[in-house]
Amino acid sequence: MAITIKDVAKRANVAPSTVSRVIANSSRISEKTKERVREAMQELGYHPNFNARSLANKSTSTLGIVMPNSAKIAFQNPFFPEVIRGITAKAHQENYGLYLSTGQTEDEILDEVMEMVHSRRVDGIMLLYSRVDDKVMPFLIEQNFPFTLIGRPYHNNESAVTFVNNDNFKAAKMVTEYLILLGHEKIAFVGGNLDYVVTLDHMEGYKQALKNANIPLTTDYVVHHDEVEEGGQDAIIELMSLEQRPTAIVVVDDIMSFGVLRMLNDMGVNVPDDLSLVSFNNVMISELSSPPMTTVDIHIYDLGYRATDLLIDKIKHPEQEAKKLIIPHKLVKRQTCKKYTKS
């Protein structure tokens, strides 16, 4: 015979309604009572029927995750597994499941998001990227559907969008200023895809630091590739082919920086003796590279955790205004930067 809520209530010595509220993780129930009910559920082998709950509550207890349009490239970058780890931790605490989008093109992603919304497959959606001419975000705003963004909304959508982000302009400005303080003036910038807002913010921070130091912008020092290892290698071939080589490089992603370091090593260029490098994200590979990278820790796990927290809060309190949360960044100094002295 199947175990019921009434059986759990009897074992825990509470009302059946209390068991239901514990399953829903209601804030009205004390942690002590929740623990007693959950112990009873575990002892009896009771598992809530979430499908039945969804029909009754008009809730799926599921959150949608929308990746950039090529999950293959995205998962080559440790940023995405780490941000999803943060999402998963908070979702688990609140008893939410996750639904991961699988679209490979912008149109496929939009179609999938429209299906999620119209079929009520999920209660809310998290966008793990921000594009310049994105179609998904305007649709979600128009539908008044709960969503959060990891990144900064493009143009004038900030007042209508709940988002979690780093101050990427300020972070890129900071690392460029750090290289300038080390004596570098020939500083290159290796960025990602210009369709993404994070790339634009990084580039503007880099440019502002040069401007403030009265260092002219050298357009040949600014190159863009997809943020994967091969892109870093291609960028270095471009930069090292210049008559006036840079003495330092700002690279916007650790995996791209890994490709940069490998190609420089093949060319016999020593880091940091011949060229200094600063990267972003502080993923594990940055510490294990040779030499270990100086990089910016953007607290990726926290981005995912807090974005999930804000989304669940938005689902529970749809009348609340959009919120903006900036996660702090920190420069992690390792062994890829050195004071520049003119020879």
Protein backbone atom coordinates (compact mmCIF):
# COMPACT_ATOMS: atom_id res chain seq x y z
CA MET A 1 0.00 0.00 0.00
CA ALA A 2 1.31 3.45 -0.94
CA ILE A 3 2.41 5.74 1.87
CA THR A 4 0.28 8.90 2.10
CA ILE A 5 0.59 12.37 3.62
CA LYS A 6 -1.69 11.18 6.42
CA ASP A 7 0.77 8.40 7.27
CA VAL A 8 3.60 10.91 7.45
CA ALA A 9 1.50 13.28 9.57
CA LYS A 10 0.70 10.47 12.03
CA ARG A 11 4.36 9.46 12.32
CA ALA A 12 5.50 13.08 12.85
CA ASN A 13 2.56 13.89 15.13
CA VAL A 14 1.43 16.86 13.04
CA ALA A 15 -1.57 17.74 10.87
CA PRO A 16 -1.61 16.61 7.20
CA SER A 17 -1.70 20.29 6.20
CA THR A 18 1.61 20.78 8.01
CA VAL A 19 3.18 18.00 5.97
CA SER A 20 1.96 19.69 2.78
CA ARG A 21 3.50 22.97 3.87
CA VAL A 22 6.79 21.25 4.67
CA ILE A 23 6.83 19.70 1.20
CA ALA A 24 6.26 23.19 -0.23
CA ASN A 25 9.04 24.54 2.03
CA SER A 26 6.68 27.08 3.57
CA SER A 27 8.31 29.79 5.68
CA ARG A 28 5.35 29.47 8.09
CA ILE A 29 6.71 26.16 9.40
CA SER A 30 9.60 26.15 11.87
CA GLU A 31 12.88 24.44 10.96
CA LYS A 32 12.44 22.06 13.90
CA THR A 33 9.04 20.89 12.61
CA LYS A 34 10.37 20.64 9.05
CA GLU A 35 13.19 18.41 10.26
CA ARG A 36 10.77 16.14 12.17
CA VAL A 37 8.45 15.81 9.16
CA ARG A 38 11.31 15.11 6.76
CA GLU A 39 12.67 12.44 9.08
CA ALA A 40 9.21 10.81 9.09
CA MET A 41 9.10 10.95 5.29
CA GLN A 42 12.49 9.31 5.07
CA GLU A 43 11.63 6.59 7.61
CA LEU A 44 8.40 5.72 5.77
CA GLY A 45 9.92 6.01 2.30
CA TYR A 46 7.42 8.70 1.30
CA HIS A 47 8.09 10.67 -1.91
CA PRO A 48 5.83 13.63 -2.82
CA ASN A 49 3.92 13.41 -6.08
CA PHE A 50 5.16 16.63 -7.64
CA ASN A 51 3.07 16.17 -10.77
CA ALA A 52 -0.08 16.10 -8.68
CA ARG A 53 1.11 19.13 -6.75
CA SER A 54 1.77 20.98 -9.98
CA LEU A 55 -1.79 20.41 -11.17
CA ALA A 56 -3.22 21.52 -7.84
CA ASN A 57 -0.95 24.53 -7.36
CA LYS A 58 -0.53 25.48 -11.03
CA SER A 59 3.19 25.18 -10.38
CA THR A 60 5.82 22.90 -11.91
CA SER A 61 8.50 23.45 -9.24
CA THR A 62 10.91 23.59 -12.19
CA LEU A 63 13.22 26.34 -13.39
CA GLY A 64 14.36 26.70 -16.99
CA ILE A 65 18.02 27.38 -17.80
CA VAL A 66 18.80 28.98 -21.16
CA MET A 67 22.36 28.56 -22.43
CA PRO A 68 24.13 30.51 -25.18
CA ASN A 69 23.47 29.22 -28.66
CA SER A 70 25.97 26.43 -28.80
CA ALA A 71 26.01 24.33 -25.71
CA LYS A 72 29.05 22.53 -27.13
CA ILE A 73 31.16 25.70 -27.02
CA ALA A 74 29.57 26.79 -23.74
CA PHE A 75 30.47 23.57 -21.94
CA GLN A 76 34.08 23.83 -23.09
CA ASN A 77 34.25 26.79 -20.73
CA PRO A 78 34.24 25.96 -16.99
CA PHE A 79 32.24 29.14 -16.35
CA PHE A 80 28.99 27.41 -17.28
CA PRO A 81 29.32 24.20 -15.21
CA GLU A 82 30.35 26.35 -12.24
CA VAL A 83 27.44 28.79 -12.60
CA ILE A 84 25.07 25.82 -12.96
CA ARG A 85 26.58 24.37 -9.76
CA GLY A 86 25.48 27.54 -7.97
CA ILE A 87 22.03 27.35 -9.57
CA THR A 88 21.66 23.71 -8.60
CA ALA A 89 22.60 24.36 -4.96
CA LYS A 90 19.90 26.98 -4.46
CA ALA A 91 17.30 25.10 -6.51
CA HIS A 92 17.87 22.00 -4.37
CA GLN A 93 17.39 24.00 -1.17
CA GLU A 94 14.04 25.27 -2.44
CA ASN A 95 12.91 21.90 -3.91
CA TYR A 96 13.01 23.05 -7.54
CA GLY A 97 14.04 20.90 -10.46
CA LEU A 98 15.89 22.23 -13.50
CA TYR A 99 15.11 22.12 -17.22
CA LEU A 100 18.07 22.83 -19.50
CA SER A 101 17.49 24.29 -22.96
CA THR A 102 19.10 22.49 -25.87
CA GLY A 103 18.67 24.96 -28.76
CA GLN A 104 21.70 25.31 -31.04
CA THR A 105 20.66 28.50 -32.86
CA GLU A 106 19.04 31.75 -31.77
CA ASP A 107 15.77 30.76 -33.43
CA GLU A 108 15.79 27.31 -31.80
CA ILE A 109 16.40 28.90 -28.40
CA LEU A 110 13.55 31.37 -28.88
CA ASP A 111 11.19 28.57 -29.99
CA GLU A 112 12.12 26.51 -26.95
CA VAL A 113 11.61 29.43 -24.57
CA MET A 114 8.22 30.18 -26.13
CA GLU A 115 7.24 26.54 -25.64
CA MET A 116 8.40 26.64 -22.00
CA VAL A 117 6.27 29.73 -21.37
CA HIS A 118 3.12 28.84 -23.29
CA SER A 119 2.97 25.25 -22.01
CA ARG A 120 3.88 26.35 -18.46
CA ARG A 121 6.60 23.72 -18.42
CA VAL A 122 8.61 25.84 -15.95
CA ASP A 123 7.77 28.42 -13.29
CA GLY A 124 10.60 30.76 -14.25
CA ILE A 125 13.61 31.06 -16.53
CA MET A 126 17.28 31.95 -16.05
CA LEU A 127 19.24 33.40 -18.96
CA LEU A 128 22.95 32.66 -18.63
CA TYR A 129 24.02 35.28 -21.18
CA SER A 130 23.10 38.70 -22.56
CA ARG A 131 23.20 39.33 -26.30
CA VAL A 132 23.20 42.64 -28.13
CA ASP A 133 20.11 41.94 -30.28
CA ASP A 134 18.55 39.24 -28.14
CA LYS A 135 15.01 38.10 -28.98
CA VAL A 136 14.36 36.02 -25.86
CA MET A 137 14.44 38.79 -23.27
CA PRO A 138 11.90 41.08 -25.02
CA PHE A 139 9.56 38.08 -25.36
CA LEU A 140 9.79 37.26 -21.63
CA ILE A 141 9.19 40.92 -20.72
CA GLU A 142 6.18 41.07 -23.04
CA GLN A 143 4.75 37.87 -21.54
CA ASN A 144 5.40 39.15 -18.00
CA PHE A 145 6.99 35.77 -17.28
CA PRO A 146 9.37 35.43 -14.29
CA PHE A 147 13.01 35.39 -15.34
CA THR A 148 16.44 36.48 -14.18
CA LEU A 149 19.53 37.29 -16.18
CA ILE A 150 23.15 36.55 -15.38
CA GLY A 151 24.74 39.52 -17.07
CA ARG A 152 23.69 43.07 -17.90
CA PRO A 153 20.64 43.81 -20.06
CA TYR A 154 21.54 45.52 -23.31
CA HIS A 155 20.38 49.11 -23.87
CA ASN A 156 17.50 50.40 -21.76
CA ASN A 157 15.95 47.23 -20.32
CA GLU A 158 17.58 47.48 -16.87
CA SER A 159 14.50 48.83 -15.09
CA ALA A 160 12.39 45.91 -16.35
CA VAL A 161 14.87 43.07 -15.76
CA THR A 162 16.02 41.34 -12.59
CA PHE A 163 19.69 40.54 -13.09
CA VAL A 164 22.89 39.48 -11.34
CA ASN A 165 26.17 40.64 -12.77
CA ASN A 166 29.75 41.71 -12.13
CA ASP A 167 30.84 45.24 -12.91
CA ASN A 168 32.72 44.06 -15.99
CA PHE A 169 33.58 47.59 -17.12
CA LYS A 170 35.19 48.35 -13.77
CA ALA A 171 37.00 44.97 -13.64
CA ALA A 172 38.55 45.40 -17.10
CA LYS A 173 39.50 48.99 -16.30
CA MET A 174 41.13 47.80 -13.07
CA VAL A 175 43.33 45.13 -14.69
CA THR A 176 44.39 47.48 -17.49
CA GLU A 177 45.34 50.09 -14.88
CA TYR A 178 47.30 47.40 -13.03
CA LEU A 179 49.37 46.71 -16.16
CA ILE A 180 49.88 50.46 -16.69
CA LEU A 181 51.14 50.79 -13.11
CA LEU A 182 53.63 48.00 -13.90
CA GLY A 183 55.01 50.26 -16.64
CA HIS A 184 53.25 48.79 -19.69
CA GLU A 185 51.93 51.03 -22.46
CA LYS A 186 51.65 48.57 -25.36
CA ILE A 187 48.69 46.66 -23.93
CA ALA A 188 46.60 44.40 -26.16
CA PHE A 189 43.01 43.28 -25.56
CA VAL A 190 41.82 39.80 -26.53
CA GLY A 191 38.03 39.71 -26.31
CA GLY A 192 35.24 37.28 -26.99
CA ASN A 193 32.26 37.48 -29.32
CA LEU A 194 31.10 41.08 -29.88
CA ASP A 195 27.48 39.88 -29.83
CA TYR A 196 27.72 39.51 -26.06
CA VAL A 197 27.33 42.45 -23.68
CA VAL A 198 30.10 41.20 -21.35
CA THR A 199 32.61 41.58 -24.19
CA LEU A 200 31.50 45.15 -24.86
CA ASP A 201 31.80 46.05 -21.16
CA HIS A 202 35.28 44.54 -20.90
CA MET A 203 36.43 46.39 -24.01
CA GLU A 204 35.06 49.74 -22.81
CA GLY A 205 36.80 49.33 -19.44
CA TYR A 206 40.08 48.61 -21.21
CA LYS A 207 39.71 51.66 -23.47
CA GLN A 208 38.80 53.94 -20.56
CA ALA A 209 41.92 52.94 -18.62
CA LEU A 210 44.11 53.76 -21.63
CA LYS A 211 42.35 57.08 -22.13
CA ASN A 212 42.77 58.05 -18.47
CA ALA A 213 46.51 57.31 -18.75
CA ASN A 214 46.82 59.28 -22.02
CA ILE A 215 47.87 56.13 -23.89
CA PRO A 216 46.60 56.15 -27.50
CA LEU A 217 44.40 53.21 -28.49
CA THR A 218 46.14 50.99 -31.04
CA THR A 219 43.37 49.30 -33.04
CA ASP A 220 45.68 46.45 -34.07
CA TYR A 221 46.00 45.57 -30.38
CA VAL A 222 42.26 44.82 -30.10
CA VAL A 223 41.26 41.36 -31.39
CA HIS A 224 38.17 39.23 -30.88
CA HIS A 225 37.58 35.48 -31.02
CA ASP A 226 35.14 33.04 -29.47
CA GLU A 227 36.12 32.40 -25.86
CA VAL A 228 37.74 29.01 -26.28
CA GLU A 229 41.33 27.81 -26.37
CA GLU A 230 41.65 27.98 -30.16
CA GLY A 231 40.54 31.61 -30.14
CA GLY A 232 43.38 32.49 -27.81
CA GLN A 233 45.90 30.80 -30.08
CA ASP A 234 44.60 32.64 -33.15
CA ALA A 235 44.69 35.95 -31.28
CA ILE A 236 48.37 35.50 -30.38
CA ILE A 237 49.30 34.73 -33.98
CA GLU A 238 47.72 38.07 -34.96
CA LEU A 239 49.37 40.06 -32.17
CA MET A 240 52.83 38.52 -32.43
CA SER A 241 52.86 39.19 -36.18
CA LEU A 242 52.75 42.96 -35.57
CA GLU A 243 55.87 45.03 -36.09
CA GLN A 244 55.32 46.61 -32.66
CA ARG A 245 54.43 43.69 -30.43
CA PRO A 246 52.47 44.35 -27.21
CA THR A 247 54.28 43.96 -23.90
CA ALA A 248 51.10 42.99 -22.03
CA ILE A 249 47.71 41.46 -22.80
CA VAL A 250 44.28 41.58 -21.18
CA VAL A 251 42.45 38.35 -22.05
CA VAL A 252 38.78 38.12 -21.10
CA ASP A 253 38.61 34.40 -20.30
CA ASP A 254 40.88 31.86 -18.59
CA ILE A 255 40.37 29.16 -21.21
CA MET A 256 41.29 31.61 -23.95
CA SER A 257 44.31 32.61 -21.85
CA PHE A 258 45.36 28.97 -21.67
CA GLY A 259 45.45 28.92 -25.47
CA VAL A 260 47.43 32.17 -25.42
CA LEU A 261 50.04 30.72 -23.03
CA ARG A 262 50.43 27.53 -25.09
CA MET A 263 50.97 29.45 -28.32
CA LEU A 264 53.41 31.88 -26.69
CA ASN A 265 55.37 28.92 -25.33
CA ASP A 266 55.52 27.41 -28.83
CA MET A 267 56.86 30.75 -30.10
CA GLY A 268 59.52 30.92 -27.42
CA VAL A 269 57.93 33.98 -25.80
CA ASN A 270 58.36 33.84 -22.03
CA VAL A 271 55.54 34.91 -19.70
CA PRO A 272 56.04 37.13 -17.75
CA ASP A 273 59.64 38.05 -18.74
CA ASP A 274 58.76 38.93 -22.35
CA LEU A 275 55.05 39.59 -22.00
CA SER A 276 52.61 40.04 -19.09
CA LEU A 277 49.08 38.63 -19.08
CA VAL A 278 45.94 39.20 -17.01
CA SER A 279 42.85 37.02 -17.42
CA PHE A 280 39.28 36.69 -16.12
CA ASN A 281 37.13 34.15 -14.22
CA ASN A 282 39.63 32.39 -11.91
CA VAL A 283 38.59 28.88 -12.93
CA MET A 284 40.73 25.94 -11.80
CA ILE A 285 42.85 25.91 -14.95
CA SER A 286 44.12 29.42 -14.14
CA GLU A 287 45.94 28.14 -11.07
CA LEU A 288 47.19 24.97 -12.77
CA SER A 289 48.53 26.67 -15.94
CA SER A 290 52.24 27.25 -16.49
CA PRO A 291 52.87 29.82 -15.20
CA PRO A 292 49.80 30.21 -12.94
CA MET A 293 47.63 33.03 -14.27
CA THR A 294 46.98 36.39 -12.71
CA THR A 295 43.23 36.61 -13.11
CA VAL A 296 40.03 38.23 -11.87
CA ASP A 297 37.84 36.13 -9.57
CA ILE A 298 34.24 36.98 -10.51
CA HIS A 299 32.72 34.48 -8.02
CA ILE A 300 30.94 32.39 -10.63
CA TYR A 301 29.19 30.10 -8.13
CA ASP A 302 27.67 33.15 -6.39
CA LEU A 303 26.35 34.48 -9.71
CA GLY A 304 24.35 31.27 -10.21
CA TYR A 305 23.24 30.95 -6.58
CA ARG A 306 22.03 34.54 -6.24
CA ALA A 307 20.33 34.57 -9.66
CA THR A 308 18.35 31.49 -8.61
CA ASP A 309 17.48 33.08 -5.29
CA LEU A 310 16.15 36.20 -7.03
CA LEU A 311 14.18 34.12 -9.55
CA ILE A 312 12.45 32.04 -6.89
CA ASP A 313 11.67 35.23 -4.96
CA LYS A 314 10.19 36.70 -8.15
CA ILE A 315 8.06 33.59 -8.70
CA LYS A 316 6.72 33.79 -5.15
CA HIS A 317 6.23 37.58 -5.23
CA PRO A 318 5.42 38.52 -8.85
CA GLU A 319 4.33 42.03 -7.84
CA GLN A 320 7.86 42.98 -6.77
CA GLU A 321 9.85 45.39 -8.91
CA ALA A 322 12.92 44.23 -10.83
CA LYS A 323 16.12 43.93 -8.78
CA LYS A 324 19.76 44.46 -9.68
CA LEU A 325 22.60 42.72 -7.83
CA ILE A 326 26.31 43.27 -8.52
CA ILE A 327 28.66 40.50 -7.35
CA PRO A 328 32.10 41.87 -6.38
CA HIS A 329 35.28 40.91 -8.23
CA LYS A 330 38.82 40.45 -6.96
CA LEU A 331 42.22 40.48 -8.65
CA VAL A 332 44.14 37.28 -7.90
CA LYS A 333 47.86 37.93 -8.43
CA ARG A 334 49.89 34.94 -9.52
CA GLN A 335 52.84 34.68 -11.93
CA THR A 336 51.92 36.07 -15.35
CA CYS A 337 52.63 39.76 -14.69
CA LYS A 338 55.93 41.56 -14.26
CA LYS A 339 57.09 45.17 -14.03
CA TYR A 340 58.11 46.42 -17.49
CA THR A 341 61.49 48.04 -17.93
CA LYS A 342 62.51 49.52 -21.27
CA SER A 343 65.55 47.82 -22.76
